[in-house]
Amino acid sequence: MAHILVIGAGRSADALINYLAKAVQTYQWEMTVADVSADLLPQKLAPYPHIKTLVFDIYNQAQATETIAKVDMVVSLLPASLHAEVAKYCLIHQKHLLTASYLSEEIKAMAKDVEQAGLIFLNEIGLDPGIDHMSAMQMIDEIKAQEGNIVSFKSYTGGLVAPEYDNNPWHYKFTWNPRNVILAGKGGTAQYIENGQYKYIPYHQLFNQTNSLEVEGFGKFETYANRDSLKYRELYGLDNIPTMLRGTLRGDGYCSAWAVLVSLGLTSDDFEVDTKGMTYRTFTEAFLPDTSAKNTVDKLASFIGKSTDNEIIQKIVWTGLLDDIPIPVKGSPAFILQHLLEQKWKLEDNDKDMIVMQHQFEYELTNQTKYTKTSDLVVLGDENHTAMAKTVGLPLAIAAKLILLGKINLKGVFIPTLKEIYAPVMTELLQLGIEFKERQTQLT
């Protein structure tokens, strides 16, 4: 009887828990959901009396050893920095491991030992990374099967608010870790290749160099480049491709306004502000150069070279950054900004979120016929699960089931770019309503 251990019961775990709770009943397996929060588990697992719960701390060596030794598979929804710690226990006790996070160097270094132990450590099996890999490889393999030569691949993903709940000028609400949104792009210079030329965008320019795209039925969006698109040439088997770009997708107009906050320094995270006696307006003014302007709005308009009624100014005013309200927290500028935006960009109880992903291909067949091919995915949250929980949790859950059923038999450390992984997972995702819509145009 297989036993699955899920570590982490936060919001993104809902759809995964629901899927696996049904699977363990069908196949007569066991399942334990563990979390550091004793308060979270009873409410989250109330609908599933057949699922065991455990208050769990990965840093408790005795508990981690005892718990992981008793199961057959670990699905880790912990923060990415903790997966390597989980992986160590899984390797020692010879247990399979699945995560939705990027494959770390620490886990990659375990590959030989994992393979020799007859295990699979499957990483990047969520949304982005995850569904992006699988759907891209599915299309890449289909084009290659036609002997097509792919000359351009661009891919964008974003977690947004569903259109009917989009009621603020930024067209954005937090559907994922707020800190990651505030610090987006700070991990290093974005790099990609365009028509054979390497391109580099430093952080201070990232939100000024954007592209736009349209998704049928959902309107226009804008995108900015992710940190490193170049490594995906090898991962996707497109080593010599002239154009490769992966990016993040936001609502139209978001990036130009966010670029102002970046240029002001409000996303800085390397020093602490003394906020005693400070309001959000005086906080913002502390980052503005001295001018002859009489008020903060005029100073801000002068700083960005726009009129006071410009949409960018209006977005920033809407955030409350120019309000004479005392700042109730202290910390870095990024922390102060995050605290404010968590109130303004909060996803309300009745709000629904939305995931949007688009792949753009250009390729040429042996008869020199050229095509563009676009693939769109839109997933909306519902009364049961957020779109983010569905798209992160369901690929993880499906892969876990397939491994335990022996339908994925790979041994070693992997991401889901192989057909043995992506084909069965994508087939079941389609059955669950996660469907890409493709359109193709012949150029010549």
Protein backbone atom coordinates (compact mmCIF):
# COMPACT_ATOMS: atom_id res chain seq x y z
CA MET A 1 0.00 0.00 0.00
CA ALA A 2 1.62 3.23 -1.20
CA HIS A 3 1.87 6.14 1.24
CA ILE A 4 2.13 9.75 0.00
CA LEU A 5 3.42 12.56 2.21
CA VAL A 6 2.46 16.08 1.17
CA ILE A 7 4.50 18.73 2.97
CA GLY A 8 2.83 22.15 2.88
CA ALA A 9 -0.90 22.84 3.08
CA GLY A 10 -1.05 26.46 1.99
CA ARG A 11 -3.40 27.97 -0.54
CA SER A 12 -1.64 26.44 -3.53
CA ALA A 13 -2.12 22.94 -2.08
CA ASP A 14 -5.93 22.88 -2.31
CA ALA A 15 -6.38 21.33 -5.76
CA LEU A 16 -3.51 18.89 -5.21
CA ILE A 17 -4.95 17.65 -1.92
CA ASN A 18 -8.40 17.26 -3.45
CA TYR A 19 -7.05 15.26 -6.41
CA LEU A 20 -4.84 12.98 -4.33
CA ALA A 21 -7.54 12.48 -1.69
CA LYS A 22 -9.67 10.88 -4.40
CA ALA A 23 -6.75 8.89 -5.81
CA VAL A 24 -5.83 7.31 -2.49
CA GLN A 25 -9.41 6.13 -2.08
CA THR A 26 -9.47 4.68 -5.59
CA TYR A 27 -6.18 2.81 -5.24
CA GLN A 28 -6.38 2.13 -1.50
CA TRP A 29 -3.26 4.13 -0.72
CA GLU A 30 -2.46 6.22 2.35
CA MET A 31 -1.83 9.93 2.50
CA THR A 32 -0.53 12.33 5.12
CA VAL A 33 -0.61 16.12 4.80
CA ALA A 34 1.96 17.89 6.95
CA ASP A 35 2.36 21.57 7.73
CA VAL A 36 4.13 23.69 10.31
CA SER A 37 0.80 25.38 11.18
CA ALA A 38 -1.33 23.47 13.66
CA ASP A 39 -4.28 25.80 12.98
CA LEU A 40 -4.27 25.36 9.21
CA LEU A 41 -4.50 21.57 9.01
CA PRO A 42 -7.92 20.95 10.66
CA GLN A 43 -9.76 23.42 8.44
CA LYS A 44 -7.92 22.45 5.26
CA LEU A 45 -8.37 18.69 5.72
CA ALA A 46 -11.87 18.70 7.24
CA PRO A 47 -13.49 17.40 4.01
CA TYR A 48 -11.08 14.47 3.91
CA PRO A 49 -11.42 12.36 7.06
CA HIS A 50 -9.44 9.52 5.47
CA ILE A 51 -6.33 11.74 5.17
CA LYS A 52 -3.90 11.89 8.09
CA THR A 53 -2.51 15.22 9.25
CA LEU A 54 0.75 16.05 10.94
CA VAL A 55 2.21 19.22 12.43
CA PHE A 56 5.64 19.05 10.87
CA ASP A 57 8.91 20.97 10.91
CA ILE A 58 11.54 20.01 8.34
CA TYR A 59 14.21 21.40 10.66
CA ASN A 60 13.24 18.87 13.34
CA GLN A 61 15.70 16.16 12.32
CA ALA A 62 14.19 13.39 14.41
CA GLN A 63 10.67 14.11 13.17
CA ALA A 64 11.76 14.48 9.54
CA THR A 65 13.68 11.20 9.69
CA GLU A 66 10.83 9.27 11.28
CA THR A 67 8.14 10.74 9.01
CA ILE A 68 9.87 10.40 5.65
CA ALA A 69 11.17 6.91 6.44
CA LYS A 70 7.58 5.63 6.70
CA VAL A 71 6.26 6.85 3.33
CA ASP A 72 6.88 5.97 -0.33
CA MET A 73 6.73 9.41 -1.91
CA VAL A 74 7.12 13.02 -0.77
CA VAL A 75 5.40 15.92 -2.53
CA SER A 76 7.02 19.10 -1.26
CA LEU A 77 5.14 22.39 -1.40
CA LEU A 78 7.60 24.06 0.94
CA PRO A 79 9.48 27.22 -0.14
CA ALA A 80 12.01 26.43 -2.85
CA SER A 81 14.97 26.97 -0.53
CA LEU A 82 13.86 24.00 1.62
CA HIS A 83 13.51 21.36 -1.11
CA ALA A 84 17.16 20.36 -0.92
CA GLU A 85 16.70 19.60 2.77
CA VAL A 86 13.72 17.38 1.98
CA ALA A 87 15.67 15.75 -0.84
CA LYS A 88 18.45 14.70 1.54
CA TYR A 89 15.99 12.73 3.67
CA CYS A 90 14.34 11.24 0.57
CA LEU A 91 17.68 10.02 -0.74
CA ILE A 92 18.76 8.57 2.60
CA HIS A 93 15.48 6.70 3.05
CA GLN A 94 14.98 5.99 -0.69
CA LYS A 95 11.72 7.83 -1.33
CA HIS A 96 10.49 9.50 -4.51
CA LEU A 97 10.32 13.32 -4.44
CA LEU A 98 8.20 15.78 -6.44
CA THR A 99 8.32 19.60 -6.33
CA ALA A 100 6.90 22.45 -8.37
CA SER A 101 10.03 24.58 -7.91
CA TYR A 102 13.02 25.17 -10.15
CA LEU A 103 15.62 22.41 -10.03
CA SER A 104 18.35 23.54 -7.66
CA GLU A 105 22.05 22.81 -8.01
CA GLU A 106 21.92 20.87 -4.72
CA ILE A 107 19.27 18.45 -6.02
CA LYS A 108 20.89 18.27 -9.46
CA ALA A 109 24.10 17.11 -7.77
CA MET A 110 22.19 14.13 -6.32
CA ALA A 111 21.24 12.80 -9.78
CA LYS A 112 23.63 9.86 -9.91
CA ASP A 113 22.77 8.68 -6.41
CA VAL A 114 19.03 9.09 -7.07
CA GLU A 115 19.29 7.00 -10.24
CA GLN A 116 21.32 4.27 -8.53
CA ALA A 117 18.71 4.12 -5.77
CA GLY A 118 15.98 3.51 -8.37
CA LEU A 119 14.17 6.74 -7.46
CA ILE A 120 12.77 9.70 -9.34
CA PHE A 121 13.16 13.27 -8.10
CA LEU A 122 10.81 15.21 -10.40
CA ASN A 123 11.11 18.98 -10.17
CA GLU A 124 9.47 21.90 -12.01
CA ILE A 125 6.16 20.03 -12.33
CA GLY A 126 3.82 22.90 -11.50
CA LEU A 127 2.68 25.83 -13.65
CA ASP A 128 5.71 27.96 -14.43
CA PRO A 129 7.86 25.95 -14.25
CA GLY A 130 5.80 22.93 -15.22
CA ILE A 131 2.91 23.31 -17.63
CA ASP A 132 5.05 25.77 -19.58
CA HIS A 133 7.72 23.07 -20.12
CA MET A 134 5.27 20.31 -20.96
CA SER A 135 3.11 22.26 -23.37
CA ALA A 136 6.15 23.78 -25.09
CA MET A 137 7.85 20.39 -25.52
CA GLN A 138 4.63 18.90 -26.83
CA MET A 139 4.51 21.53 -29.58
CA ILE A 140 8.26 21.38 -30.24
CA ASP A 141 8.15 17.61 -30.70
CA GLU A 142 5.13 17.91 -32.98
CA ILE A 143 6.90 20.46 -35.19
CA LYS A 144 10.10 18.38 -35.26
CA ALA A 145 8.05 15.33 -36.25
CA GLN A 146 7.11 17.30 -39.40
CA GLU A 147 10.84 17.97 -39.93
CA GLY A 148 10.18 21.60 -39.08
CA ASN A 149 13.00 23.97 -38.17
CA ILE A 150 11.98 26.24 -35.28
CA VAL A 151 13.52 29.71 -35.67
CA SER A 152 11.68 31.56 -32.91
CA PHE A 153 10.10 30.57 -29.61
CA LYS A 154 8.62 33.04 -27.13
CA SER A 155 6.64 32.06 -24.06
CA TYR A 156 4.85 34.17 -21.46
CA THR A 157 2.95 33.33 -18.27
CA GLY A 158 1.12 35.45 -15.71
CA GLY A 159 -1.05 35.06 -12.65
CA LEU A 160 -3.73 37.75 -12.75
CA VAL A 161 -7.19 38.60 -11.51
CA ALA A 162 -10.15 37.31 -13.55
CA PRO A 163 -11.68 40.01 -15.80
CA GLU A 164 -14.95 40.39 -13.90
CA TYR A 165 -13.00 41.11 -10.68
CA ASP A 166 -10.47 43.43 -12.31
CA ASN A 167 -11.50 46.65 -10.59
CA ASN A 168 -8.29 48.61 -10.09
CA PRO A 169 -6.19 50.66 -12.56
CA TRP A 170 -3.21 48.31 -12.31
CA HIS A 171 -5.31 45.34 -13.53
CA TYR A 172 -3.54 43.26 -10.91
CA LYS A 173 -4.12 41.56 -7.56
CA PHE A 174 -1.85 39.22 -5.61
CA THR A 175 -2.53 35.60 -6.51
CA TRP A 176 0.90 34.32 -5.47
CA ASN A 177 3.71 35.22 -3.05
CA PRO A 178 3.58 39.05 -2.74
CA ARG A 179 7.28 39.34 -1.96
CA ASN A 180 8.16 37.61 -5.22
CA VAL A 181 6.02 40.14 -7.11
CA ILE A 182 7.64 43.13 -5.40
CA LEU A 183 11.16 41.81 -6.04
CA ALA A 184 10.46 40.44 -9.54
CA GLY A 185 13.45 40.87 -11.80
CA LYS A 186 15.96 41.64 -9.06
CA GLY A 187 17.65 38.23 -9.33
CA GLY A 188 19.94 39.33 -12.16
CA THR A 189 20.12 40.79 -15.63
CA ALA A 190 17.50 39.40 -18.01
CA GLN A 191 19.10 37.72 -21.01
CA TYR A 192 17.70 36.24 -24.19
CA ILE A 193 18.47 35.96 -27.90
CA GLU A 194 16.63 37.81 -30.69
CA ASN A 195 17.37 37.14 -34.37
CA GLY A 196 20.76 35.70 -33.46
CA GLN A 197 21.78 38.65 -31.25
CA TYR A 198 22.18 38.30 -27.50
CA LYS A 199 20.14 40.84 -25.55
CA TYR A 200 20.62 41.93 -21.95
CA ILE A 201 18.26 44.00 -19.82
CA PRO A 202 19.52 45.16 -16.39
CA TYR A 203 16.95 45.42 -13.62
CA HIS A 204 16.61 49.19 -13.74
CA GLN A 205 15.49 48.93 -17.39
CA LEU A 206 13.48 45.71 -17.21
CA PHE A 207 10.00 47.24 -17.01
CA ASN A 208 10.79 49.83 -19.67
CA GLN A 209 11.56 47.22 -22.33
CA THR A 210 8.31 45.36 -22.78
CA ASN A 211 6.32 43.62 -25.48
CA SER A 212 2.57 43.34 -25.98
CA LEU A 213 0.40 40.42 -26.94
CA GLU A 214 -3.27 39.61 -27.29
CA VAL A 215 -5.23 36.60 -26.11
CA GLU A 216 -8.46 35.98 -27.97
CA GLY A 217 -11.43 36.81 -25.76
CA PHE A 218 -9.29 38.35 -23.02
CA GLY A 219 -7.70 41.39 -24.67
CA LYS A 220 -4.24 42.88 -24.55
CA PHE A 221 -1.43 42.18 -22.11
CA GLU A 222 2.16 43.30 -21.77
CA THR A 223 5.23 41.27 -20.95
CA TYR A 224 8.72 41.66 -19.55
CA ALA A 225 11.65 39.29 -19.94
CA ASN A 226 12.49 36.63 -17.36
CA ARG A 227 15.98 36.41 -15.91
CA ASP A 228 17.57 33.74 -18.13
CA SER A 229 15.94 32.55 -21.33
CA LEU A 230 19.19 31.28 -22.85
CA LYS A 231 19.40 28.07 -20.81
CA TYR A 232 16.14 26.85 -22.31
CA ARG A 233 17.74 26.38 -25.72
CA GLU A 234 19.50 23.28 -24.42
CA LEU A 235 16.64 22.15 -22.16
CA TYR A 236 14.18 22.29 -25.07
CA GLY A 237 16.59 20.84 -27.66
CA LEU A 238 16.73 24.15 -29.57
CA ASP A 239 20.46 24.86 -29.23
CA ASN A 240 20.82 26.85 -32.45
CA ILE A 241 17.52 28.73 -32.38
CA PRO A 242 17.95 32.42 -33.38
CA THR A 243 15.19 33.72 -31.08
CA MET A 244 14.37 32.44 -27.59
CA LEU A 245 12.55 34.51 -24.99
CA ARG A 246 10.59 33.62 -21.88
CA GLY A 247 8.74 36.31 -19.98
CA THR A 248 6.14 37.28 -17.42
CA LEU A 249 2.72 38.56 -18.41
CA ARG A 250 0.88 41.50 -16.81
CA GLY A 251 -2.16 43.64 -17.54
CA ASP A 252 -1.83 46.41 -20.12
CA GLY A 253 -0.16 49.47 -18.57
CA TYR A 254 1.25 47.73 -15.50
CA CYS A 255 4.92 47.74 -16.47
CA SER A 256 5.31 51.44 -17.27
CA ALA A 257 3.92 52.35 -13.84
CA TRP A 258 5.99 49.71 -12.04
CA ALA A 259 9.09 51.02 -13.82
CA VAL A 260 8.60 54.33 -12.02
CA LEU A 261 8.55 52.62 -8.62
CA VAL A 262 11.75 50.79 -9.60
CA SER A 263 13.48 53.97 -10.78
CA LEU A 264 12.50 55.75 -7.55
CA GLY A 265 14.08 52.95 -5.52
CA LEU A 266 10.88 51.83 -3.81
CA THR A 267 11.63 48.18 -4.61
CA SER A 268 15.05 48.35 -2.90
CA ASP A 269 15.57 45.65 -0.32
CA ASP A 270 19.09 46.37 0.91
CA PHE A 271 18.51 48.97 3.61
CA GLU A 272 15.95 49.83 6.30
CA VAL A 273 13.93 53.03 6.40
CA ASP A 274 13.32 54.83 9.70
CA THR A 275 9.56 55.28 9.35
CA LYS A 276 8.99 56.92 12.75
CA GLY A 277 6.71 59.90 12.14
CA MET A 278 6.69 59.18 8.39
CA THR A 279 3.63 59.01 6.15
CA TYR A 280 3.45 57.28 2.79
CA ARG A 281 3.67 60.70 1.13
CA THR A 282 6.82 61.74 2.99
CA PHE A 283 8.24 58.26 2.36
CA THR A 284 7.74 58.70 -1.38
CA GLU A 285 9.08 62.26 -1.29
CA ALA A 286 12.25 60.98 0.35
CA PHE A 287 13.05 59.27 -2.97
CA LEU A 288 12.14 62.21 -5.21
CA PRO A 289 14.71 64.83 -6.22
CA ASP A 290 14.24 68.39 -4.97
CA THR A 291 12.34 70.54 -7.45
CA SER A 292 10.42 73.79 -7.41
CA ALA A 293 7.17 71.82 -7.53
CA LYS A 294 4.89 72.58 -4.60
CA ASN A 295 3.26 69.21 -4.02
CA THR A 296 4.16 65.56 -4.28
CA VAL A 297 2.04 64.86 -7.35
CA ASP A 298 3.79 67.65 -9.26
CA LYS A 299 7.20 66.41 -8.08
CA LEU A 300 6.37 62.91 -9.25
CA ALA A 301 5.10 64.21 -12.59
CA SER A 302 8.29 66.22 -13.03
CA PHE A 303 10.41 63.16 -12.15
CA ILE A 304 8.90 61.00 -14.89
CA GLY A 305 8.29 63.81 -17.39
CA LYS A 306 4.54 63.33 -17.55
CA SER A 307 1.50 65.48 -16.82
CA THR A 308 -0.28 65.05 -13.50
CA ASP A 309 -3.30 63.49 -15.22
CA ASN A 310 -1.18 60.81 -16.91
CA GLU A 311 -2.30 57.21 -16.32
CA ILE A 312 1.01 56.33 -14.68
CA ILE A 313 0.57 59.10 -12.11
CA GLN A 314 -3.00 58.01 -11.49
CA LYS A 315 -1.91 54.42 -10.86
CA ILE A 316 0.68 55.50 -8.31
CA VAL A 317 -1.76 57.87 -6.60
CA TRP A 318 -4.26 55.00 -6.37
CA THR A 319 -1.79 52.87 -4.41
CA GLY A 320 -1.81 55.33 -1.52
CA LEU A 321 1.89 56.16 -1.82
CA LEU A 322 1.00 59.86 -1.80
CA ASP A 323 -1.42 59.70 1.14
CA ASP A 324 -0.75 61.41 4.45
CA ILE A 325 -1.30 58.19 6.37
CA PRO A 326 1.30 57.06 8.94
CA ILE A 327 3.34 54.02 7.92
CA PRO A 328 2.62 51.27 10.48
CA VAL A 329 5.66 49.11 9.69
CA LYS A 330 9.38 49.52 9.36
CA GLY A 331 11.76 47.76 7.03
CA SER A 332 13.23 48.08 3.58
CA PRO A 333 11.49 50.20 0.92
CA ALA A 334 10.39 46.95 -0.76
CA PHE A 335 8.87 45.70 2.52
CA ILE A 336 7.00 48.97 3.07
CA LEU A 337 5.71 48.91 -0.51
CA GLN A 338 4.66 45.28 -0.13
CA HIS A 339 2.76 46.02 3.10
CA LEU A 340 0.83 48.79 1.37
CA LEU A 341 0.07 46.84 -1.79
CA GLU A 342 -1.05 43.77 0.13
CA GLN A 343 -4.00 45.93 1.20
CA LYS A 344 -4.61 47.50 -2.20
CA TRP A 345 -4.00 44.41 -4.35
CA LYS A 346 -5.70 41.95 -2.04
CA LEU A 347 -7.72 39.19 -3.68
CA GLU A 348 -11.04 39.48 -1.85
CA ASP A 349 -12.95 36.42 -0.65
CA ASN A 350 -15.30 36.39 -3.63
CA ASP A 351 -12.67 37.36 -6.21
CA LYS A 352 -11.46 34.83 -8.74
CA ASP A 353 -7.99 34.69 -10.25
CA MET A 354 -6.81 33.84 -13.74
CA ILE A 355 -3.74 32.16 -15.27
CA VAL A 356 -2.73 33.20 -18.77
CA MET A 357 0.01 31.49 -20.80
CA GLN A 358 0.95 32.02 -24.42
CA HIS A 359 3.54 30.25 -26.60
CA GLN A 360 4.58 31.82 -29.91
CA PHE A 361 6.45 29.74 -32.51
CA GLU A 362 7.87 30.50 -35.91
CA TYR A 363 9.11 27.55 -37.97
CA GLU A 364 9.95 26.45 -41.48
CA LEU A 365 9.31 23.10 -43.16
CA THR A 366 11.69 21.39 -45.57
CA ASN A 367 9.67 22.74 -48.52
CA GLN A 368 10.52 26.26 -47.25
CA THR A 369 6.94 26.94 -46.17
CA LYS A 370 6.97 29.18 -43.09
CA TYR A 371 4.41 29.24 -40.31
CA THR A 372 3.59 31.00 -37.08
CA LYS A 373 1.86 29.01 -34.38
CA THR A 374 0.37 30.45 -31.21
CA SER A 375 -0.96 28.49 -28.26
CA ASP A 376 -3.04 30.12 -25.52
CA LEU A 377 -4.00 28.81 -22.10
CA VAL A 378 -6.47 30.62 -19.86
CA VAL A 379 -7.54 29.05 -16.57
CA LEU A 380 -10.05 30.75 -14.29
CA GLY A 381 -10.46 30.19 -10.58
CA ASP A 382 -13.78 28.89 -9.31
CA GLU A 383 -15.64 28.42 -6.03
CA ASN A 384 -13.47 25.45 -5.08
CA HIS A 385 -9.95 26.32 -6.19
CA THR A 386 -7.95 29.28 -7.43
CA ALA A 387 -6.56 29.06 -10.94
CA MET A 388 -3.09 29.16 -9.38
CA ALA A 389 -3.87 26.18 -7.12
CA LYS A 390 -5.20 24.22 -10.09
CA THR A 391 -2.30 24.88 -12.40
CA VAL A 392 0.40 24.38 -9.78
CA GLY A 393 -1.18 21.50 -7.89
CA LEU A 394 -2.78 19.32 -10.55
CA PRO A 395 0.39 18.55 -12.56
CA LEU A 396 2.12 17.59 -9.30
CA ALA A 397 -0.76 15.38 -8.23
CA ILE A 398 -1.14 13.69 -11.62
CA ALA A 399 2.58 12.96 -11.84
CA ALA A 400 2.57 11.54 -8.30
CA LYS A 401 -0.24 9.15 -9.21
CA LEU A 402 1.38 8.10 -12.47
CA ILE A 403 4.70 7.34 -10.75
CA LEU A 404 3.05 5.23 -8.07
CA LEU A 405 1.08 3.36 -10.75
CA GLY A 406 4.30 2.62 -12.64
CA LYS A 407 3.23 4.65 -15.68
CA ILE A 408 6.26 6.92 -15.34
CA ASN A 409 9.27 4.68 -14.80
CA LEU A 410 12.20 7.08 -15.15
CA LYS A 411 14.96 6.94 -12.54
CA GLY A 412 17.05 9.96 -11.64
CA VAL A 413 16.56 13.74 -11.36
CA PHE A 414 14.27 15.24 -14.00
CA ILE A 415 12.18 18.17 -15.11
CA PRO A 416 9.10 17.36 -17.28
CA THR A 417 10.60 17.94 -20.73
CA LEU A 418 10.60 14.26 -21.68
CA LYS A 419 7.64 12.77 -23.53
CA GLU A 420 7.44 9.93 -20.99
CA ILE A 421 6.45 12.59 -18.46
CA TYR A 422 4.67 15.32 -20.35
CA ALA A 423 2.44 13.17 -22.58
CA PRO A 424 0.41 11.39 -19.86
CA VAL A 425 0.31 14.45 -17.60
CA MET A 426 -0.89 16.77 -20.39
CA THR A 427 -3.48 14.20 -21.47
CA GLU A 428 -5.03 14.16 -18.02
CA LEU A 429 -4.79 17.94 -17.60
CA LEU A 430 -6.85 18.26 -20.78
CA GLN A 431 -9.49 15.96 -19.27
CA LEU A 432 -9.58 18.30 -16.26
CA GLY A 433 -10.23 21.36 -18.41
CA ILE A 434 -6.70 22.74 -18.69
CA GLU A 435 -6.71 23.19 -22.44
CA PHE A 436 -4.50 25.12 -24.85
CA LYS A 437 -6.10 26.71 -27.89
CA GLU A 438 -3.82 26.75 -30.93
CA ARG A 439 -3.92 28.79 -34.08
CA GLN A 440 -1.54 28.59 -37.03
CA THR A 441 -0.83 30.95 -39.91
CA GLN A 442 1.09 30.21 -43.08
CA LEU A 443 3.51 33.00 -43.94
CA THR A 444 4.87 31.83 -47.31
